[in-house]
Amino acid sequence: MKGIVKHHQDTELLDLGGGTTRRILAWNDQLMAVEVGFEAGAVGAPHTHPHVQCSYVLSGKFRYSVEDESTELNPGDSIVVPGGLVHGTVCLEAGTLLDIFTPVREDFLKK
């Protein structure tokens, strides 16, 4: 196989506390896919990083904020956040986001 394959059962589920979990899926030096689980009411605190981020709602309902604007995201919705902008989310109904980053989040790979 010339691609990078990561089987879900071979990935580690990290408990981030506060009702959130993170599972790093496939990645290379240019791109990273991350599954982030949220319990209802859990918060992805406002933060910034230099990476471009695309979040896709697999399940649940989220209030997603970028800078001073916010929107509600439901299953099938997505958002792209340019690097350097303050963004965060509040989970309105338990669910999962698929976050894609470019370049790879090296900080996620360090333990």
C-alpha atoms as a PDB file:
ATOM      1  CA  MET A   1       0.000   0.000   0.000  1.00  0.00           C
ATOM      2  CA  LYS A   2       1.484   3.335  -0.995  1.00  0.00           C
ATOM      3  CA  GLY A   3      -0.903   5.321   1.209  1.00  0.00           C
ATOM      4  CA  ILE A   4      -0.882   5.631   4.984  1.00  0.00           C
ATOM      5  CA  VAL A   5      -3.428   3.309   6.581  1.00  0.00           C
ATOM      6  CA  LYS A   6      -4.523   3.603  10.220  1.00  0.00           C
ATOM      7  CA  HIS A   7      -7.152   1.140  11.401  1.00  0.00           C
ATOM      8  CA  HIS A   8      -9.510   2.641  13.977  1.00  0.00           C
ATOM      9  CA  GLN A   9      -8.938  -0.215  16.443  1.00  0.00           C
ATOM     10  CA  ASP A  10      -5.189   0.531  16.343  1.00  0.00           C
ATOM     11  CA  THR A  11      -5.573   4.173  17.372  1.00  0.00           C
ATOM     12  CA  GLU A  12      -5.488   5.446  20.938  1.00  0.00           C
ATOM     13  CA  LEU A  13      -8.478   7.223  22.479  1.00  0.00           C
ATOM     14  CA  LEU A  14      -7.240  10.010  24.752  1.00  0.00           C
ATOM     15  CA  ASP A  15      -9.456  11.389  27.515  1.00  0.00           C
ATOM     16  CA  LEU A  16      -8.876  15.146  27.466  1.00  0.00           C
ATOM     17  CA  GLY A  17     -11.123  15.744  30.475  1.00  0.00           C
ATOM     18  CA  GLY A  18     -14.194  17.926  30.642  1.00  0.00           C
ATOM     19  CA  GLY A  19     -16.223  15.472  28.564  1.00  0.00           C
ATOM     20  CA  THR A  20     -13.945  15.434  25.530  1.00  0.00           C
ATOM     21  CA  THR A  21     -11.856  12.737  23.876  1.00  0.00           C
ATOM     22  CA  ARG A  22      -9.380  12.775  20.991  1.00  0.00           C
ATOM     23  CA  ARG A  23      -8.319  10.034  18.607  1.00  0.00           C
ATOM     24  CA  ILE A  24      -5.552  10.805  16.117  1.00  0.00           C
ATOM     25  CA  LEU A  25      -6.338   9.070  12.849  1.00  0.00           C
ATOM     26  CA  ALA A  26      -4.106   9.092   9.759  1.00  0.00           C
ATOM     27  CA  TRP A  27      -1.448  11.761   9.218  1.00  0.00           C
ATOM     28  CA  ASN A  28       1.707  12.724   7.394  1.00  0.00           C
ATOM     29  CA  ASP A  29       3.818  15.883   7.609  1.00  0.00           C
ATOM     30  CA  GLN A  30       1.261  17.901   5.613  1.00  0.00           C
ATOM     31  CA  LEU A  31      -2.133  16.714   6.874  1.00  0.00           C
ATOM     32  CA  MET A  32      -3.745  15.212   9.988  1.00  0.00           C
ATOM     33  CA  ALA A  33      -7.208  13.752  10.637  1.00  0.00           C
ATOM     34  CA  VAL A  34      -8.464  13.768  14.251  1.00  0.00           C
ATOM     35  CA  GLU A  35     -11.716  12.451  15.726  1.00  0.00           C
ATOM     36  CA  VAL A  36     -12.906  14.535  18.691  1.00  0.00           C
ATOM     37  CA  GLY A  37     -15.759  13.291  20.891  1.00  0.00           C
ATOM     38  CA  PHE A  38     -17.873  15.578  23.080  1.00  0.00           C
ATOM     39  CA  GLU A  39     -20.439  14.958  25.794  1.00  0.00           C
ATOM     40  CA  ALA A  40     -23.345  17.404  25.841  1.00  0.00           C
ATOM     41  CA  GLY A  41     -22.176  20.655  27.448  1.00  0.00           C
ATOM     42  CA  ALA A  42     -18.486  19.954  26.855  1.00  0.00           C
ATOM     43  CA  VAL A  43     -16.429  22.919  25.687  1.00  0.00           C
ATOM     44  CA  GLY A  44     -13.607  23.164  23.204  1.00  0.00           C
ATOM     45  CA  ALA A  45     -12.118  26.282  24.806  1.00  0.00           C
ATOM     46  CA  PRO A  46     -11.293  29.222  22.550  1.00  0.00           C
ATOM     47  CA  HIS A  47      -7.761  28.870  21.234  1.00  0.00           C
ATOM     48  CA  THR A  48      -5.572  29.637  18.244  1.00  0.00           C
ATOM     49  CA  HIS A  49      -2.892  27.808  16.296  1.00  0.00           C
ATOM     50  CA  PRO A  50      -1.100  28.411  12.993  1.00  0.00           C
ATOM     51  CA  HIS A  51      -2.736  25.412  11.280  1.00  0.00           C
ATOM     52  CA  VAL A  52      -5.677  25.623   8.887  1.00  0.00           C
ATOM     53  CA  GLN A  53      -8.482  23.531  10.413  1.00  0.00           C
ATOM     54  CA  CYS A  54     -11.544  22.008   8.802  1.00  0.00           C
ATOM     55  CA  SER A  55     -14.155  20.610  11.213  1.00  0.00           C
ATOM     56  CA  TYR A  56     -16.855  18.228   9.939  1.00  0.00           C
ATOM     57  CA  VAL A  57     -19.755  17.242  12.197  1.00  0.00           C
ATOM     58  CA  LEU A  58     -20.122  13.460  12.204  1.00  0.00           C
ATOM     59  CA  SER A  59     -22.837  13.515  14.886  1.00  0.00           C
ATOM     60  CA  GLY A  60     -24.316  15.811  17.517  1.00  0.00           C
ATOM     61  CA  LYS A  61     -24.902  19.552  17.528  1.00  0.00           C
ATOM     62  CA  PHE A  62     -22.311  22.275  18.167  1.00  0.00           C
ATOM     63  CA  ARG A  63     -22.145  26.044  18.668  1.00  0.00           C
ATOM     64  CA  TYR A  64     -18.908  26.897  16.850  1.00  0.00           C
ATOM     65  CA  SER A  65     -17.267  30.309  17.228  1.00  0.00           C
ATOM     66  CA  VAL A  66     -14.565  31.973  15.156  1.00  0.00           C
ATOM     67  CA  GLU A  67     -13.351  35.331  16.428  1.00  0.00           C
ATOM     68  CA  ASP A  68     -16.559  37.272  17.262  1.00  0.00           C
ATOM     69  CA  GLU A  69     -18.962  35.216  15.106  1.00  0.00           C
ATOM     70  CA  SER A  70     -20.735  31.961  15.951  1.00  0.00           C
ATOM     71  CA  THR A  71     -22.922  29.460  14.167  1.00  0.00           C
ATOM     72  CA  GLU A  72     -24.713  26.224  14.930  1.00  0.00           C
ATOM     73  CA  LEU A  73     -23.364  23.126  13.195  1.00  0.00           C
ATOM     74  CA  ASN A  74     -25.321  19.893  12.741  1.00  0.00           C
ATOM     75  CA  PRO A  75     -24.416  16.492  11.250  1.00  0.00           C
ATOM     76  CA  GLY A  76     -23.016  16.941   7.751  1.00  0.00           C
ATOM     77  CA  ASP A  77     -22.056  20.594   8.329  1.00  0.00           C
ATOM     78  CA  SER A  78     -18.457  21.759   8.132  1.00  0.00           C
ATOM     79  CA  ILE A  79     -16.359  24.852   8.707  1.00  0.00           C
ATOM     80  CA  VAL A  80     -12.847  25.913   7.686  1.00  0.00           C
ATOM     81  CA  VAL A  81     -10.871  28.086  10.094  1.00  0.00           C
ATOM     82  CA  PRO A  82      -7.763  29.850   8.767  1.00  0.00           C
ATOM     83  CA  GLY A  83      -4.662  29.610  10.924  1.00  0.00           C
ATOM     84  CA  GLY A  84      -4.236  32.277  13.585  1.00  0.00           C
ATOM     85  CA  LEU A  85      -7.919  32.932  14.306  1.00  0.00           C
ATOM     86  CA  VAL A  86      -9.407  32.373  17.775  1.00  0.00           C
ATOM     87  CA  HIS A  87     -11.986  29.592  17.625  1.00  0.00           C
ATOM     88  CA  GLY A  88     -13.795  27.156  19.903  1.00  0.00           C
ATOM     89  CA  THR A  89     -16.985  25.163  20.340  1.00  0.00           C
ATOM     90  CA  VAL A  90     -19.691  24.224  22.817  1.00  0.00           C
ATOM     91  CA  CYS A  91     -21.369  20.862  22.357  1.00  0.00           C
ATOM     92  CA  LEU A  92     -25.150  21.287  22.422  1.00  0.00           C
ATOM     93  CA  GLU A  93     -25.935  17.582  21.840  1.00  0.00           C
ATOM     94  CA  ALA A  94     -23.350  14.827  22.397  1.00  0.00           C
ATOM     95  CA  GLY A  95     -21.424  14.147  19.230  1.00  0.00           C
ATOM     96  CA  THR A  96     -18.214  13.802  17.283  1.00  0.00           C
ATOM     97  CA  LEU A  97     -16.210  16.146  15.086  1.00  0.00           C
ATOM     98  CA  LEU A  98     -13.731  15.112  12.424  1.00  0.00           C
ATOM     99  CA  ASP A  99     -10.998  17.757  12.473  1.00  0.00           C
ATOM    100  CA  ILE A 100      -8.537  18.003   9.591  1.00  0.00           C
ATOM    101  CA  PHE A 101      -5.384  20.080  10.036  1.00  0.00           C
ATOM    102  CA  THR A 102      -2.709  21.283   7.667  1.00  0.00           C
ATOM    103  CA  PRO A 103       0.138  21.058   8.333  1.00  0.00           C
ATOM    104  CA  VAL A 104       0.202  18.208  10.857  1.00  0.00           C
ATOM    105  CA  ARG A 105      -0.336  19.111  14.543  1.00  0.00           C
ATOM    106  CA  GLU A 106       3.064  18.091  15.901  1.00  0.00           C
ATOM    107  CA  ASP A 107       1.872  19.080  19.389  1.00  0.00           C
ATOM    108  CA  PHE A 108      -0.755  16.313  19.234  1.00  0.00           C
ATOM    109  CA  LEU A 109       1.924  13.702  18.501  1.00  0.00           C
ATOM    110  CA  LYS A 110       3.968  14.559  21.617  1.00  0.00           C
ATOM    111  CA  LYS A 111       3.064  12.797  24.849  1.00  0.00           C
END
